[in-house]
Amino acid sequence: MTARLGPAAFVPQCAGSNTRGKRMGMADSTFWWLLAGACIVLELVTGTFYLLMVALGFIAAALMAYLGVAMTGQIAMAAVVGGGAVAVWYAVRSRRPQGVAAQANPDVNMDIGETLTVQAWSPDGTASVHYRGARWTVVQRGAATPEPGLHRVVAVVGNRLVVDKA
């Protein structure tokens, strides 16, 4: 007599386990870990710190999967933790004082804080000075009447030096 083989006879089985009737595939936690890893890689490529906060939500969902929580609970945990982390980070960033603009930041522009001598001002409120081996147009910051003499560079706007009286 010949044995009949059904589709269940071709399912691979590990020693000592019964996989009949069980789903074969990726564990839920692995899915969440892969999403978290993808967010981290995207953050490294784009520099968007918020993606790390979303990755925290995916990590929380992976931990819920380890605990045996249903998929809806895992999704809810990812949304709450990831969304909450994004909201907290946004609140922290919005409360920080804004940095100095690049045109007036001495860490960005080496001319900020340097001194120069203005011989004479034009009637339009500009002056032409020789500075660092080139001719520069100088304007005074504020509404004060420009006076000849020593001035300190406070900003660089395009090809103009913005100065204050030193």
C-alpha atoms as a PDB file:
ATOM      1  CA  MET A   1       0.000   0.000   0.000  1.00  0.00           C
ATOM      2  CA  THR A   2       1.300   3.458  -0.901  1.00  0.00           C
ATOM      3  CA  ALA A   3       1.233   6.324   1.592  1.00  0.00           C
ATOM      4  CA  ARG A   4      -0.414   9.483   0.412  1.00  0.00           C
ATOM      5  CA  LEU A   5       1.596  12.626   1.018  1.00  0.00           C
ATOM      6  CA  GLY A   6      -0.299  15.845   1.602  1.00  0.00           C
ATOM      7  CA  PRO A   7       1.009  19.425   1.599  1.00  0.00           C
ATOM      8  CA  ALA A   8       1.796  19.214   5.327  1.00  0.00           C
ATOM      9  CA  ALA A   9       4.403  16.536   4.648  1.00  0.00           C
ATOM     10  CA  PHE A  10       6.581  19.097   2.843  1.00  0.00           C
ATOM     11  CA  VAL A  11       6.692  21.689   5.680  1.00  0.00           C
ATOM     12  CA  PRO A  12      10.175  21.710   7.231  1.00  0.00           C
ATOM     13  CA  GLN A  13      10.189  20.725  10.856  1.00  0.00           C
ATOM     14  CA  CYS A  14      12.745  21.224  13.577  1.00  0.00           C
ATOM     15  CA  ALA A  15      13.576  18.386  15.889  1.00  0.00           C
ATOM     16  CA  GLY A  16      11.148  18.309  18.782  1.00  0.00           C
ATOM     17  CA  SER A  17       8.785  20.981  17.427  1.00  0.00           C
ATOM     18  CA  ASN A  18       5.411  20.855  15.813  1.00  0.00           C
ATOM     19  CA  THR A  19       5.002  23.583  13.190  1.00  0.00           C
ATOM     20  CA  ARG A  20       1.758  22.341  11.697  1.00  0.00           C
ATOM     21  CA  GLY A  21      -0.869  25.019  11.763  1.00  0.00           C
ATOM     22  CA  LYS A  22       1.587  27.717  12.834  1.00  0.00           C
ATOM     23  CA  ARG A  23       2.587  30.719  10.792  1.00  0.00           C
ATOM     24  CA  MET A  24       6.004  30.388   9.192  1.00  0.00           C
ATOM     25  CA  GLY A  25       7.819  33.674   8.752  1.00  0.00           C
ATOM     26  CA  MET A  26       9.433  36.570  10.489  1.00  0.00           C
ATOM     27  CA  ALA A  27       8.720  37.194  14.157  1.00  0.00           C
ATOM     28  CA  ASP A  28       6.894  40.410  14.998  1.00  0.00           C
ATOM     29  CA  SER A  29       9.846  41.677  17.029  1.00  0.00           C
ATOM     30  CA  THR A  30      12.171  41.191  14.048  1.00  0.00           C
ATOM     31  CA  PHE A  31       9.865  43.321  11.928  1.00  0.00           C
ATOM     32  CA  TRP A  32      10.023  46.153  14.494  1.00  0.00           C
ATOM     33  CA  TRP A  33      13.810  45.848  14.836  1.00  0.00           C
ATOM     34  CA  LEU A  34      14.198  46.105  11.056  1.00  0.00           C
ATOM     35  CA  LEU A  35      12.015  49.241  10.982  1.00  0.00           C
ATOM     36  CA  ALA A  36      14.068  50.775  13.804  1.00  0.00           C
ATOM     37  CA  GLY A  37      17.286  49.972  11.965  1.00  0.00           C
ATOM     38  CA  ALA A  38      15.927  51.488   8.745  1.00  0.00           C
ATOM     39  CA  CYS A  39      15.046  54.695  10.614  1.00  0.00           C
ATOM     40  CA  ILE A  40      18.533  54.876  12.082  1.00  0.00           C
ATOM     41  CA  VAL A  41      20.124  54.401   8.653  1.00  0.00           C
ATOM     42  CA  LEU A  42      17.860  57.087   7.154  1.00  0.00           C
ATOM     43  CA  GLU A  43      18.777  59.422  10.012  1.00  0.00           C
ATOM     44  CA  LEU A  44      22.475  58.910   9.270  1.00  0.00           C
ATOM     45  CA  VAL A  45      21.867  59.710   5.611  1.00  0.00           C
ATOM     46  CA  THR A  46      19.586  62.738   6.104  1.00  0.00           C
ATOM     47  CA  GLY A  47      20.647  64.098   9.503  1.00  0.00           C
ATOM     48  CA  THR A  48      17.032  64.324  10.687  1.00  0.00           C
ATOM     49  CA  PHE A  49      17.171  63.741  14.430  1.00  0.00           C
ATOM     50  CA  TYR A  50      13.408  63.132  14.544  1.00  0.00           C
ATOM     51  CA  LEU A  51      13.912  59.774  12.821  1.00  0.00           C
ATOM     52  CA  LEU A  52      15.770  58.588  15.927  1.00  0.00           C
ATOM     53  CA  MET A  53      12.675  59.446  17.970  1.00  0.00           C
ATOM     54  CA  VAL A  54      10.518  57.375  15.611  1.00  0.00           C
ATOM     55  CA  ALA A  55      13.051  54.543  15.943  1.00  0.00           C
ATOM     56  CA  LEU A  56      12.490  54.666  19.720  1.00  0.00           C
ATOM     57  CA  GLY A  57       8.813  53.950  19.050  1.00  0.00           C
ATOM     58  CA  PHE A  58       9.728  50.956  16.911  1.00  0.00           C
ATOM     59  CA  ILE A  59      12.061  49.662  19.620  1.00  0.00           C
ATOM     60  CA  ALA A  60       9.240  49.940  22.164  1.00  0.00           C
ATOM     61  CA  ALA A  61       6.998  47.949  19.812  1.00  0.00           C
ATOM     62  CA  ALA A  62       9.696  45.271  19.476  1.00  0.00           C
ATOM     63  CA  LEU A  63       9.839  44.969  23.252  1.00  0.00           C
ATOM     64  CA  MET A  64       6.041  44.621  23.349  1.00  0.00           C
ATOM     65  CA  ALA A  65       6.321  41.833  20.764  1.00  0.00           C
ATOM     66  CA  TYR A  66       8.821  40.042  23.023  1.00  0.00           C
ATOM     67  CA  LEU A  67       6.270  40.282  25.827  1.00  0.00           C
ATOM     68  CA  GLY A  68       3.633  38.647  23.637  1.00  0.00           C
ATOM     69  CA  VAL A  69       1.373  41.695  23.183  1.00  0.00           C
ATOM     70  CA  ALA A  70      -0.952  41.550  20.167  1.00  0.00           C
ATOM     71  CA  MET A  71      -0.087  43.464  16.986  1.00  0.00           C
ATOM     72  CA  THR A  72      -2.592  46.248  17.757  1.00  0.00           C
ATOM     73  CA  GLY A  73      -0.884  46.847  21.090  1.00  0.00           C
ATOM     74  CA  GLN A  74       2.498  46.883  19.394  1.00  0.00           C
ATOM     75  CA  ILE A  75       1.310  49.462  16.861  1.00  0.00           C
ATOM     76  CA  ALA A  76      -0.244  51.571  19.618  1.00  0.00           C
ATOM     77  CA  MET A  77       2.989  51.444  21.622  1.00  0.00           C
ATOM     78  CA  ALA A  78       5.040  52.454  18.559  1.00  0.00           C
ATOM     79  CA  ALA A  79       2.710  55.385  17.933  1.00  0.00           C
ATOM     80  CA  VAL A  80       2.624  56.569  21.542  1.00  0.00           C
ATOM     81  CA  VAL A  81       6.360  56.270  22.229  1.00  0.00           C
ATOM     82  CA  GLY A  82       7.522  57.463  18.799  1.00  0.00           C
ATOM     83  CA  GLY A  83       5.007  60.299  18.590  1.00  0.00           C
ATOM     84  CA  GLY A  84       5.612  61.281  22.194  1.00  0.00           C
ATOM     85  CA  ALA A  85       9.381  61.364  21.695  1.00  0.00           C
ATOM     86  CA  VAL A  86       8.967  63.549  18.602  1.00  0.00           C
ATOM     87  CA  ALA A  87       6.661  65.927  20.504  1.00  0.00           C
ATOM     88  CA  VAL A  88       9.029  66.154  23.480  1.00  0.00           C
ATOM     89  CA  TRP A  89      12.048  66.774  21.254  1.00  0.00           C
ATOM     90  CA  TYR A  90      10.138  69.466  19.313  1.00  0.00           C
ATOM     91  CA  ALA A  91       9.187  71.197  22.575  1.00  0.00           C
ATOM     92  CA  VAL A  92      12.781  71.080  23.823  1.00  0.00           C
ATOM     93  CA  ARG A  93      14.135  72.475  20.543  1.00  0.00           C
ATOM     94  CA  SER A  94      11.566  75.276  20.348  1.00  0.00           C
ATOM     95  CA  ARG A  95      12.463  76.488  23.867  1.00  0.00           C
ATOM     96  CA  ARG A  96      16.179  76.761  23.113  1.00  0.00           C
ATOM     97  CA  PRO A  97      17.448  80.182  22.110  1.00  0.00           C
ATOM     98  CA  GLN A  98      18.192  80.441  18.425  1.00  0.00           C
ATOM     99  CA  GLY A  99      21.843  80.607  17.452  1.00  0.00           C
ATOM    100  CA  VAL A 100      23.528  83.565  15.835  1.00  0.00           C
ATOM    101  CA  ALA A 101      23.025  83.848  12.091  1.00  0.00           C
ATOM    102  CA  ALA A 102      25.969  82.599  10.038  1.00  0.00           C
ATOM    103  CA  GLN A 103      26.690  86.093   8.736  1.00  0.00           C
ATOM    104  CA  ALA A 104      27.365  87.321  12.306  1.00  0.00           C
ATOM    105  CA  ASN A 105      28.771  84.106  13.798  1.00  0.00           C
ATOM    106  CA  PRO A 106      32.519  84.269  14.537  1.00  0.00           C
ATOM    107  CA  ASP A 107      32.677  80.447  14.433  1.00  0.00           C
ATOM    108  CA  VAL A 108      31.585  80.555  10.787  1.00  0.00           C
ATOM    109  CA  ASN A 109      33.187  83.772   9.572  1.00  0.00           C
ATOM    110  CA  MET A 110      36.741  84.670  10.548  1.00  0.00           C
ATOM    111  CA  ASP A 111      36.192  88.384   9.898  1.00  0.00           C
ATOM    112  CA  ILE A 112      33.784  88.885  12.802  1.00  0.00           C
ATOM    113  CA  GLY A 113      35.505  90.808  15.573  1.00  0.00           C
ATOM    114  CA  GLU A 114      38.386  92.047  13.406  1.00  0.00           C
ATOM    115  CA  THR A 115      39.160  95.752  13.318  1.00  0.00           C
ATOM    116  CA  LEU A 116      39.738  98.021  10.356  1.00  0.00           C
ATOM    117  CA  THR A 117      40.242 101.727   9.765  1.00  0.00           C
ATOM    118  CA  VAL A 118      37.748 103.756   7.756  1.00  0.00           C
ATOM    119  CA  GLN A 119      39.352 106.907   6.313  1.00  0.00           C
ATOM    120  CA  ALA A 120      36.155 108.541   4.983  1.00  0.00           C
ATOM    121  CA  TRP A 121      32.475 107.733   4.533  1.00  0.00           C
ATOM    122  CA  SER A 122      30.505 108.376   1.343  1.00  0.00           C
ATOM    123  CA  PRO A 123      27.261 110.377   1.469  1.00  0.00           C
ATOM    124  CA  ASP A 124      25.289 107.145   0.864  1.00  0.00           C
ATOM    125  CA  GLY A 125      26.581 105.721   4.174  1.00  0.00           C
ATOM    126  CA  THR A 126      29.159 103.336   2.711  1.00  0.00           C
ATOM    127  CA  ALA A 127      32.935 103.360   2.709  1.00  0.00           C
ATOM    128  CA  SER A 128      35.559 101.562   0.690  1.00  0.00           C
ATOM    129  CA  VAL A 129      38.468 100.049   2.622  1.00  0.00           C
ATOM    130  CA  HIS A 130      41.438  97.868   1.842  1.00  0.00           C
ATOM    131  CA  TYR A 131      41.046  94.777   4.065  1.00  0.00           C
ATOM    132  CA  ARG A 132      42.767  91.382   3.768  1.00  0.00           C
ATOM    133  CA  GLY A 133      44.336  92.273   0.443  1.00  0.00           C
ATOM    134  CA  ALA A 134      41.142  93.363  -1.297  1.00  0.00           C
ATOM    135  CA  ARG A 135      38.726  96.285  -1.557  1.00  0.00           C
ATOM    136  CA  TRP A 136      35.623  95.903   0.607  1.00  0.00           C
ATOM    137  CA  THR A 137      32.473  97.969   0.919  1.00  0.00           C
ATOM    138  CA  VAL A 138      31.755  98.869   4.537  1.00  0.00           C
ATOM    139  CA  VAL A 139      28.415  99.902   6.044  1.00  0.00           C
ATOM    140  CA  GLN A 140      27.753 100.931   9.615  1.00  0.00           C
ATOM    141  CA  ARG A 141      25.245  98.986  11.706  1.00  0.00           C
ATOM    142  CA  GLY A 142      22.360 101.006  13.097  1.00  0.00           C
ATOM    143  CA  ALA A 143      21.229 104.542  12.410  1.00  0.00           C
ATOM    144  CA  ALA A 144      24.194 106.357  13.977  1.00  0.00           C
ATOM    145  CA  THR A 145      26.087 108.884  11.906  1.00  0.00           C
ATOM    146  CA  PRO A 146      29.195 107.169  10.523  1.00  0.00           C
ATOM    147  CA  GLU A 147      32.514 108.644  11.643  1.00  0.00           C
ATOM    148  CA  PRO A 148      36.018 107.941  10.323  1.00  0.00           C
ATOM    149  CA  GLY A 149      38.335 105.929  12.511  1.00  0.00           C
ATOM    150  CA  LEU A 150      38.725 102.439  13.925  1.00  0.00           C
ATOM    151  CA  HIS A 151      35.745 100.072  13.477  1.00  0.00           C
ATOM    152  CA  ARG A 152      35.018  96.463  14.437  1.00  0.00           C
ATOM    153  CA  VAL A 153      33.405  94.007  11.977  1.00  0.00           C
ATOM    154  CA  VAL A 154      30.123  92.633  13.384  1.00  0.00           C
ATOM    155  CA  ALA A 155      28.733  90.869  10.294  1.00  0.00           C
ATOM    156  CA  VAL A 156      29.471  90.038   6.687  1.00  0.00           C
ATOM    157  CA  VAL A 157      26.526  90.368   4.305  1.00  0.00           C
ATOM    158  CA  GLY A 158      27.467  89.285   0.820  1.00  0.00           C
ATOM    159  CA  ASN A 159      30.519  91.362  -0.090  1.00  0.00           C
ATOM    160  CA  ARG A 160      29.828  94.064   2.515  1.00  0.00           C
ATOM    161  CA  LEU A 161      31.339  94.358   5.961  1.00  0.00           C
ATOM    162  CA  VAL A 162      28.927  95.608   8.622  1.00  0.00           C
ATOM    163  CA  VAL A 163      30.829  97.516  11.317  1.00  0.00           C
ATOM    164  CA  ASP A 164      30.416  99.277  14.655  1.00  0.00           C
ATOM    165  CA  LYS A 165      32.636 102.044  15.972  1.00  0.00           C
ATOM    166  CA  ALA A 166      35.433 100.423  17.974  1.00  0.00           C
END
